[in-house]
Amino acid sequence: MDLVIDILQQVLGFYSILLIVYIFMSWVPSTRETTIGRFLEKICEPYLEPFRKFIPPFGMIDVSPIVAILVLRLAGSGLESLASYF
């Protein structure tokens, strides 16, 4: 059981890194037109979209990705707590 939880935590951590890269790519719009940019858009936007529906941007700053990453971190912490029971 510990192995499964460790793998899930690693996947969540890797996905968080992909989200951060995708967010930084928004600072240079031409990078989103690359193959990597389109790939990241396909895997990141479905997760970010619900957060953007409920969290409005503050001026020019979109804080929904920060909340999305925090939710992933909380899920990782929840998995860690779950692992302590087994």
PDB file of N, CA and C in Angstrom:
ATOM      1  N   MET A   1       0.822  -1.192   0.000  1.00  0.00           N
ATOM      2  CA  MET A   1       0.000   0.000   0.000  1.00  0.00           C
ATOM      3  C   MET A   1       0.866   1.256   0.000  1.00  0.00           C
ATOM      4  N   ASP A   2       1.986   1.191   0.730  1.00  0.00           N
ATOM      5  CA  ASP A   2       2.879   2.349   0.777  1.00  0.00           C
ATOM      6  C   ASP A   2       3.437   2.689  -0.597  1.00  0.00           C
ATOM      7  N   LEU A   3       3.706   1.662  -1.390  1.00  0.00           N
ATOM      8  CA  LEU A   3       4.248   1.892  -2.726  1.00  0.00           C
ATOM      9  C   LEU A   3       3.251   2.655  -3.593  1.00  0.00           C
ATOM     10  N   VAL A   4       1.988   2.284  -3.520  1.00  0.00           N
ATOM     11  CA  VAL A   4       0.947   2.956  -4.308  1.00  0.00           C
ATOM     12  C   VAL A   4       0.826   4.419  -3.891  1.00  0.00           C
ATOM     13  N   ILE A   5       0.827   4.673  -2.601  1.00  0.00           N
ATOM     14  CA  ILE A   5       0.703   6.040  -2.105  1.00  0.00           C
ATOM     15  C   ILE A   5       1.928   6.855  -2.486  1.00  0.00           C
ATOM     16  N   ASP A   6       3.115   6.252  -2.417  1.00  0.00           N
ATOM     17  CA  ASP A   6       4.332   6.956  -2.832  1.00  0.00           C
ATOM     18  C   ASP A   6       4.284   7.322  -4.305  1.00  0.00           C
ATOM     19  N   ILE A   7       3.810   6.403  -5.126  1.00  0.00           N
ATOM     20  CA  ILE A   7       3.703   6.672  -6.569  1.00  0.00           C
ATOM     21  C   ILE A   7       2.703   7.788  -6.817  1.00  0.00           C
ATOM     22  N   LEU A   8       1.561   7.746  -6.139  1.00  0.00           N
ATOM     23  CA  LEU A   8       0.554   8.797  -6.311  1.00  0.00           C
ATOM     24  C   LEU A   8       1.086  10.164  -5.871  1.00  0.00           C
ATOM     25  N   GLN A   9       1.853  10.191  -4.789  1.00  0.00           N
ATOM     26  CA  GLN A   9       2.442  11.452  -4.338  1.00  0.00           C
ATOM     27  C   GLN A   9       3.456  11.973  -5.354  1.00  0.00           C
ATOM     28  N   GLN A  10       4.228  11.084  -5.950  1.00  0.00           N
ATOM     29  CA  GLN A  10       5.182  11.503  -6.966  1.00  0.00           C
ATOM     30  C   GLN A  10       4.470  12.037  -8.204  1.00  0.00           C
ATOM     31  N   VAL A  11       3.369  11.404  -8.576  1.00  0.00           N
ATOM     32  CA  VAL A  11       2.589  11.872  -9.726  1.00  0.00           C
ATOM     33  C   VAL A  11       2.020  13.261  -9.441  1.00  0.00           C
ATOM     34  N   LEU A  12       1.494  13.468  -8.238  1.00  0.00           N
ATOM     35  CA  LEU A  12       0.963  14.779  -7.869  1.00  0.00           C
ATOM     36  C   LEU A  12       2.059  15.839  -7.877  1.00  0.00           C
ATOM     37  N   GLY A  13       3.236  15.496  -7.375  1.00  0.00           N
ATOM     38  CA  GLY A  13       4.355  16.432  -7.384  1.00  0.00           C
ATOM     39  C   GLY A  13       4.795  16.769  -8.797  1.00  0.00           C
ATOM     40  N   PHE A  14       4.867  15.763  -9.658  1.00  0.00           N
ATOM     41  CA  PHE A  14       5.251  15.995 -11.052  1.00  0.00           C
ATOM     42  C   PHE A  14       4.220  16.855 -11.762  1.00  0.00           C
ATOM     43  N   TYR A  15       2.945  16.584 -11.517  1.00  0.00           N
ATOM     44  CA  TYR A  15       1.882  17.384 -12.136  1.00  0.00           C
ATOM     45  C   TYR A  15       1.934  18.833 -11.648  1.00  0.00           C
ATOM     46  N   SER A  16       2.273  19.029 -10.379  1.00  0.00           N
ATOM     47  CA  SER A  16       2.436  20.395  -9.858  1.00  0.00           C
ATOM     48  C   SER A  16       3.543  21.126 -10.603  1.00  0.00           C
ATOM     49  N   ILE A  17       4.629  20.432 -10.869  1.00  0.00           N
ATOM     50  CA  ILE A  17       5.735  21.039 -11.615  1.00  0.00           C
ATOM     51  C   ILE A  17       5.288  21.384 -13.028  1.00  0.00           C
ATOM     52  N   LEU A  18       4.535  20.499 -13.667  1.00  0.00           N
ATOM     53  CA  LEU A  18       4.024  20.793 -15.006  1.00  0.00           C
ATOM     54  C   LEU A  18       3.112  22.014 -14.990  1.00  0.00           C
ATOM     55  N   LEU A  19       2.291  22.142 -13.960  1.00  0.00           N
ATOM     56  CA  LEU A  19       1.431  23.322 -13.841  1.00  0.00           C
ATOM     57  C   LEU A  19       2.257  24.594 -13.705  1.00  0.00           C
ATOM     58  N   ILE A  20       3.306  24.536 -12.910  1.00  0.00           N
ATOM     59  CA  ILE A  20       4.156  25.712 -12.720  1.00  0.00           C
ATOM     60  C   ILE A  20       4.828  26.104 -14.037  1.00  0.00           C
ATOM     61  N   VAL A  21       5.319  25.115 -14.776  1.00  0.00           N
ATOM     62  CA  VAL A  21       5.935  25.401 -16.082  1.00  0.00           C
ATOM     63  C   VAL A  21       4.898  26.023 -17.012  1.00  0.00           C
ATOM     64  N   TYR A  22       3.702  25.478 -17.013  1.00  0.00           N
ATOM     65  CA  TYR A  22       2.636  26.010 -17.872  1.00  0.00           C
ATOM     66  C   TYR A  22       2.290  27.447 -17.491  1.00  0.00           C
ATOM     67  N   ILE A  23       2.279  27.735 -16.215  1.00  0.00           N
ATOM     68  CA  ILE A  23       1.984  29.103 -15.756  1.00  0.00           C
ATOM     69  C   ILE A  23       3.082  30.061 -16.207  1.00  0.00           C
ATOM     70  N   PHE A  24       4.335  29.651 -16.043  1.00  0.00           N
ATOM     71  CA  PHE A  24       5.432  30.514 -16.485  1.00  0.00           C
ATOM     72  C   PHE A  24       5.434  30.709 -17.996  1.00  0.00           C
ATOM     73  N   MET A  25       4.958  29.710 -18.728  1.00  0.00           N
ATOM     74  CA  MET A  25       4.884  29.840 -20.183  1.00  0.00           C
ATOM     75  C   MET A  25       3.902  30.936 -20.597  1.00  0.00           C
ATOM     76  N   SER A  26       2.965  31.259 -19.739  1.00  0.00           N
ATOM     77  CA  SER A  26       2.003  32.318 -20.074  1.00  0.00           C
ATOM     78  C   SER A  26       2.676  33.692 -20.112  1.00  0.00           C
ATOM     79  N   TRP A  27       3.838  33.820 -19.484  1.00  0.00           N
ATOM     80  CA  TRP A  27       4.552  35.088 -19.515  1.00  0.00           C
ATOM     81  C   TRP A  27       5.183  35.349 -20.882  1.00  0.00           C
ATOM     82  N   VAL A  28       5.415  34.279 -21.637  1.00  0.00           N
ATOM     83  CA  VAL A  28       5.957  34.393 -22.999  1.00  0.00           C
ATOM     84  C   VAL A  28       4.961  33.693 -23.921  1.00  0.00           C
ATOM     85  N   PRO A  29       3.992  34.440 -24.434  1.00  0.00           N
ATOM     86  CA  PRO A  29       2.887  33.814 -25.176  1.00  0.00           C
ATOM     87  C   PRO A  29       3.319  32.941 -26.359  1.00  0.00           C
ATOM     88  N   SER A  30       4.428  33.239 -26.983  1.00  0.00           N
ATOM     89  CA  SER A  30       4.841  32.440 -28.138  1.00  0.00           C
ATOM     90  C   SER A  30       5.218  31.016 -27.749  1.00  0.00           C
ATOM     91  N   THR A  31       5.543  30.783 -26.488  1.00  0.00           N
ATOM     92  CA  THR A  31       5.905  29.430 -26.062  1.00  0.00           C
ATOM     93  C   THR A  31       4.703  28.498 -26.020  1.00  0.00           C
ATOM     94  N   ARG A  32       3.526  29.051 -25.927  1.00  0.00           N
ATOM     95  CA  ARG A  32       2.323  28.204 -25.905  1.00  0.00           C
ATOM     96  C   ARG A  32       2.007  27.626 -27.284  1.00  0.00           C
ATOM     97  N   GLU A  33       2.618  28.175 -28.314  1.00  0.00           N
ATOM     98  CA  GLU A  33       2.390  27.678 -29.670  1.00  0.00           C
ATOM     99  C   GLU A  33       3.325  26.536 -30.026  1.00  0.00           C
ATOM    100  N   THR A  34       4.265  26.220 -29.154  1.00  0.00           N
ATOM    101  CA  THR A  34       5.187  25.123 -29.414  1.00  0.00           C
ATOM    102  C   THR A  34       4.508  23.791 -29.128  1.00  0.00           C
ATOM    103  N   THR A  35       5.160  22.715 -29.509  1.00  0.00           N
ATOM    104  CA  THR A  35       4.620  21.376 -29.251  1.00  0.00           C
ATOM    105  C   THR A  35       4.476  21.130 -27.756  1.00  0.00           C
ATOM    106  N   ILE A  36       5.473  21.533 -26.999  1.00  0.00           N
ATOM    107  CA  ILE A  36       5.417  21.349 -25.541  1.00  0.00           C
ATOM    108  C   ILE A  36       4.295  22.196 -24.949  1.00  0.00           C
ATOM    109  N   GLY A  37       4.142  23.424 -25.433  1.00  0.00           N
ATOM    110  CA  GLY A  37       3.087  24.304 -24.951  1.00  0.00           C
ATOM    111  C   GLY A  37       1.704  23.744 -25.201  1.00  0.00           C
ATOM    112  N   ARG A  38       1.499  23.188 -26.385  1.00  0.00           N
ATOM    113  CA  ARG A  38       0.192  22.589 -26.698  1.00  0.00           C
ATOM    114  C   ARG A  38      -0.052  21.338 -25.860  1.00  0.00           C
ATOM    115  N   PHE A  39       1.009  20.551 -25.631  1.00  0.00           N
ATOM    116  CA  PHE A  39       0.872  19.362 -24.785  1.00  0.00           C
ATOM    117  C   PHE A  39       0.491  19.756 -23.363  1.00  0.00           C
ATOM    118  N   LEU A  40       1.196  20.755 -22.811  1.00  0.00           N
ATOM    119  CA  LEU A  40       0.891  21.200 -21.449  1.00  0.00           C
ATOM    120  C   LEU A  40      -0.507  21.786 -21.360  1.00  0.00           C
ATOM    121  N   GLU A  41      -0.934  22.466 -22.406  1.00  0.00           N
ATOM    122  CA  GLU A  41      -2.291  23.016 -22.412  1.00  0.00           C
ATOM    123  C   GLU A  41      -3.327  21.891 -22.334  1.00  0.00           C
ATOM    124  N   LYS A  42      -3.096  20.812 -23.058  1.00  0.00           N
ATOM    125  CA  LYS A  42      -4.044  19.697 -23.057  1.00  0.00           C
ATOM    126  C   LYS A  42      -4.144  19.006 -21.705  1.00  0.00           C
ATOM    127  N   ILE A  43      -3.040  18.978 -20.956  1.00  0.00           N
ATOM    128  CA  ILE A  43      -3.096  18.267 -19.677  1.00  0.00           C
ATOM    129  C   ILE A  43      -3.326  19.199 -18.488  1.00  0.00           C
ATOM    130  N   CYS A  44      -3.090  20.493 -18.648  1.00  0.00           N
ATOM    131  CA  CYS A  44      -3.246  21.424 -17.524  1.00  0.00           C
ATOM    132  C   CYS A  44      -4.579  22.167 -17.535  1.00  0.00           C
ATOM    133  N   GLU A  45      -5.042  22.557 -18.698  1.00  0.00           N
ATOM    134  CA  GLU A  45      -6.277  23.348 -18.768  1.00  0.00           C
ATOM    135  C   GLU A  45      -7.507  22.624 -18.220  1.00  0.00           C
ATOM    136  N   PRO A  46      -7.680  21.324 -18.468  1.00  0.00           N
ATOM    137  CA  PRO A  46      -8.869  20.671 -17.879  1.00  0.00           C
ATOM    138  C   PRO A  46      -8.880  20.735 -16.355  1.00  0.00           C
ATOM    139  N   TYR A  47      -7.716  20.729 -15.733  1.00  0.00           N
ATOM    140  CA  TYR A  47      -7.658  20.826 -14.271  1.00  0.00           C
ATOM    141  C   TYR A  47      -7.839  22.270 -13.806  1.00  0.00           C
ATOM    142  N   LEU A  48      -7.282  23.231 -14.545  1.00  0.00           N
ATOM    143  CA  LEU A  48      -7.350  24.635 -14.133  1.00  0.00           C
ATOM    144  C   LEU A  48      -8.717  25.276 -14.407  1.00  0.00           C
ATOM    145  N   GLU A  49      -9.415  24.778 -15.393  1.00  0.00           N
ATOM    146  CA  GLU A  49     -10.683  25.399 -15.799  1.00  0.00           C
ATOM    147  C   GLU A  49     -11.707  25.533 -14.672  1.00  0.00           C
ATOM    148  N   PRO A  50     -11.966  24.493 -13.873  1.00  0.00           N
ATOM    149  CA  PRO A  50     -12.948  24.671 -12.782  1.00  0.00           C
ATOM    150  C   PRO A  50     -12.538  25.743 -11.776  1.00  0.00           C
ATOM    151  N   PHE A  51     -11.249  25.871 -11.512  1.00  0.00           N
ATOM    152  CA  PHE A  51     -10.790  26.897 -10.579  1.00  0.00           C
ATOM    153  C   PHE A  51     -11.003  28.288 -11.161  1.00  0.00           C
ATOM    154  N   ARG A  52     -10.804  28.436 -12.456  1.00  0.00           N
ATOM    155  CA  ARG A  52     -10.997  29.741 -13.108  1.00  0.00           C
ATOM    156  C   ARG A  52     -12.464  30.145 -13.135  1.00  0.00           C
ATOM    157  N   LYS A  53     -13.370  29.173 -13.116  1.00  0.00           N
ATOM    158  CA  LYS A  53     -14.800  29.487 -13.104  1.00  0.00           C
ATOM    159  C   LYS A  53     -15.218  30.119 -11.781  1.00  0.00           C
ATOM    160  N   PHE A  54     -14.586  29.689 -10.675  1.00  0.00           N
ATOM    161  CA  PHE A  54     -15.003  30.137  -9.353  1.00  0.00           C
ATOM    162  C   PHE A  54     -14.130  31.228  -8.759  1.00  0.00           C
ATOM    163  N   ILE A  55     -12.919  31.375  -9.260  1.00  0.00           N
ATOM    164  CA  ILE A  55     -12.007  32.364  -8.691  1.00  0.00           C
ATOM    165  C   ILE A  55     -11.717  33.417  -9.754  1.00  0.00           C
ATOM    166  N   PRO A  56     -12.285  34.606  -9.592  1.00  0.00           N
ATOM    167  CA  PRO A  56     -12.047  35.645 -10.593  1.00  0.00           C
ATOM    168  C   PRO A  56     -10.626  36.207 -10.482  1.00  0.00           C
ATOM    169  N   PRO A  57     -10.070  36.674 -11.603  1.00  0.00           N
ATOM    170  CA  PRO A  57      -8.731  37.281 -11.532  1.00  0.00           C
ATOM    171  C   PRO A  57      -8.771  38.616 -10.798  1.00  0.00           C
ATOM    172  N   PHE A  58      -7.678  38.941 -10.146  1.00  0.00           N
ATOM    173  CA  PHE A  58      -7.524  40.227  -9.481  1.00  0.00           C
ATOM    174  C   PHE A  58      -6.766  41.140 -10.420  1.00  0.00           C
ATOM    175  N   GLY A  59      -7.508  41.951 -11.153  1.00  0.00           N
ATOM    176  CA  GLY A  59      -6.875  42.802 -12.154  1.00  0.00           C
ATOM    177  C   GLY A  59      -6.289  41.938 -13.257  1.00  0.00           C
ATOM    178  N   MET A  60      -4.986  42.028 -13.436  1.00  0.00           N
ATOM    179  CA  MET A  60      -4.301  41.252 -14.468  1.00  0.00           C
ATOM    180  C   MET A  60      -3.739  39.932 -13.917  1.00  0.00           C
ATOM    181  N   ILE A  61      -3.958  39.663 -12.652  1.00  0.00           N
ATOM    182  CA  ILE A  61      -3.352  38.493 -12.019  1.00  0.00           C
ATOM    183  C   ILE A  61      -4.400  37.401 -11.823  1.00  0.00           C
ATOM    184  N   ASP A  62      -4.107  36.238 -12.369  1.00  0.00           N
ATOM    185  CA  ASP A  62      -4.976  35.073 -12.219  1.00  0.00           C
ATOM    186  C   ASP A  62      -4.416  34.221 -11.090  1.00  0.00           C
ATOM    187  N   VAL A  63      -5.118  34.169  -9.960  1.00  0.00           N
ATOM    188  CA  VAL A  63      -4.641  33.418  -8.798  1.00  0.00           C
ATOM    189  C   VAL A  63      -5.184  31.988  -8.760  1.00  0.00           C
ATOM    190  N   SER A  64      -6.036  31.644  -9.705  1.00  0.00           N
ATOM    191  CA  SER A  64      -6.611  30.299  -9.688  1.00  0.00           C
ATOM    192  C   SER A  64      -5.557  29.201  -9.815  1.00  0.00           C
ATOM    193  N   PRO A  65      -4.460  29.370 -10.580  1.00  0.00           N
ATOM    194  CA  PRO A  65      -3.445  28.307 -10.592  1.00  0.00           C
ATOM    195  C   PRO A  65      -2.785  28.097  -9.231  1.00  0.00           C
ATOM    196  N   ILE A  66      -2.660  29.148  -8.455  1.00  0.00           N
ATOM    197  CA  ILE A  66      -2.076  29.007  -7.120  1.00  0.00           C
ATOM    198  C   ILE A  66      -2.987  28.148  -6.255  1.00  0.00           C
ATOM    199  N   VAL A  67      -4.282  28.411  -6.324  1.00  0.00           N
ATOM    200  CA  VAL A  67      -5.246  27.624  -5.554  1.00  0.00           C
ATOM    201  C   VAL A  67      -5.241  26.177  -6.052  1.00  0.00           C
ATOM    202  N   ALA A  68      -5.142  25.996  -7.362  1.00  0.00           N
ATOM    203  CA  ALA A  68      -5.111  24.643  -7.922  1.00  0.00           C
ATOM    204  C   ALA A  68      -3.897  23.866  -7.421  1.00  0.00           C
ATOM    205  N   ILE A  69      -2.746  24.512  -7.341  1.00  0.00           N
ATOM    206  CA  ILE A  69      -1.540  23.853  -6.841  1.00  0.00           C
ATOM    207  C   ILE A  69      -1.686  23.549  -5.352  1.00  0.00           C
ATOM    208  N   LEU A  70      -2.293  24.475  -4.604  1.00  0.00           N
ATOM    209  CA  LEU A  70      -2.525  24.217  -3.174  1.00  0.00           C
ATOM    210  C   LEU A  70      -3.438  23.009  -2.967  1.00  0.00           C
ATOM    211  N   VAL A  71      -4.427  22.854  -3.826  1.00  0.00           N
ATOM    212  CA  VAL A  71      -5.325  21.692  -3.729  1.00  0.00           C
ATOM    213  C   VAL A  71      -4.546  20.407  -3.986  1.00  0.00           C
ATOM    214  N   LEU A  72      -3.640  20.436  -4.957  1.00  0.00           N
ATOM    215  CA  LEU A  72      -2.798  19.260  -5.197  1.00  0.00           C
ATOM    216  C   LEU A  72      -1.927  18.950  -3.985  1.00  0.00           C
ATOM    217  N   ARG A  73      -1.370  19.993  -3.369  1.00  0.00           N
ATOM    218  CA  ARG A  73      -0.539  19.788  -2.174  1.00  0.00           C
ATOM    219  C   ARG A  73      -1.379  19.203  -1.030  1.00  0.00           C
ATOM    220  N   LEU A  74      -2.595  19.689  -0.877  1.00  0.00           N
ATOM    221  CA  LEU A  74      -3.482  19.138   0.156  1.00  0.00           C
ATOM    222  C   LEU A  74      -3.815  17.676  -0.124  1.00  0.00           C
ATOM    223  N   ALA A  75      -3.997  17.340  -1.395  1.00  0.00           N
ATOM    224  CA  ALA A  75      -4.256  15.945  -1.751  1.00  0.00           C
ATOM    225  C   ALA A  75      -3.048  15.083  -1.399  1.00  0.00           C
ATOM    226  N   GLY A  76      -1.847  15.605  -1.651  1.00  0.00           N
ATOM    227  CA  GLY A  76      -0.635  14.873  -1.273  1.00  0.00           C
ATOM    228  C   GLY A  76      -0.540  14.675   0.224  1.00  0.00           C
ATOM    229  N   SER A  77      -0.894  15.710   0.979  1.00  0.00           N
ATOM    230  CA  SER A  77      -0.894  15.586   2.442  1.00  0.00           C
ATOM    231  C   SER A  77      -1.937  14.579   2.905  1.00  0.00           C
ATOM    232  N   GLY A  78      -3.076  14.573   2.241  1.00  0.00           N
ATOM    233  CA  GLY A  78      -4.115  13.595   2.571  1.00  0.00           C
ATOM    234  C   GLY A  78      -3.652  12.177   2.308  1.00  0.00           C
ATOM    235  N   LEU A  79      -2.928  11.987   1.208  1.00  0.00           N
ATOM    236  CA  LEU A  79      -2.376  10.663   0.923  1.00  0.00           C
ATOM    237  C   LEU A  79      -1.359  10.250   1.980  1.00  0.00           C
ATOM    238  N   GLU A  80      -0.571  11.217   2.422  1.00  0.00           N
ATOM    239  CA  GLU A  80       0.412  10.928   3.465  1.00  0.00           C
ATOM    240  C   GLU A  80      -0.271  10.527   4.764  1.00  0.00           C
ATOM    241  N   SER A  81      -1.343  11.220   5.104  1.00  0.00           N
ATOM    242  CA  SER A  81      -2.108  10.865   6.302  1.00  0.00           C
ATOM    243  C   SER A  81      -2.732   9.490   6.159  1.00  0.00           C
ATOM    244  N   LEU A  82      -3.212   9.203   4.967  1.00  0.00           N
ATOM    245  CA  LEU A  82      -3.806   7.896   4.704  1.00  0.00           C
ATOM    246  C   LEU A  82      -2.766   6.789   4.844  1.00  0.00           C
ATOM    247  N   ALA A  83      -1.550   7.073   4.421  1.00  0.00           N
ATOM    248  CA  ALA A  83      -0.475   6.087   4.523  1.00  0.00           C
ATOM    249  C   ALA A  83      -0.135   5.780   5.980  1.00  0.00           C
ATOM    250  N   SER A  84      -0.297   6.752   6.847  1.00  0.00           N
ATOM    251  CA  SER A  84       0.029   6.517   8.251  1.00  0.00           C
ATOM    252  C   SER A  84      -0.936   5.537   8.915  1.00  0.00           C
ATOM    253  N   TYR A  85      -2.130   5.376   8.338  1.00  0.00           N
ATOM    254  CA  TYR A  85      -3.096   4.446   8.896  1.00  0.00           C
ATOM    255  C   TYR A  85      -2.794   3.001   8.515  1.00  0.00           C
ATOM    256  N   PHE A  86      -2.004   2.831   7.439  1.00  0.00           N
ATOM    257  CA  PHE A  86      -1.733   1.458   6.965  1.00  0.00           C
ATOM    258  C   PHE A  86      -0.375   1.061   7.346  1.00  0.00           C
TER     259      PHE A  86
END
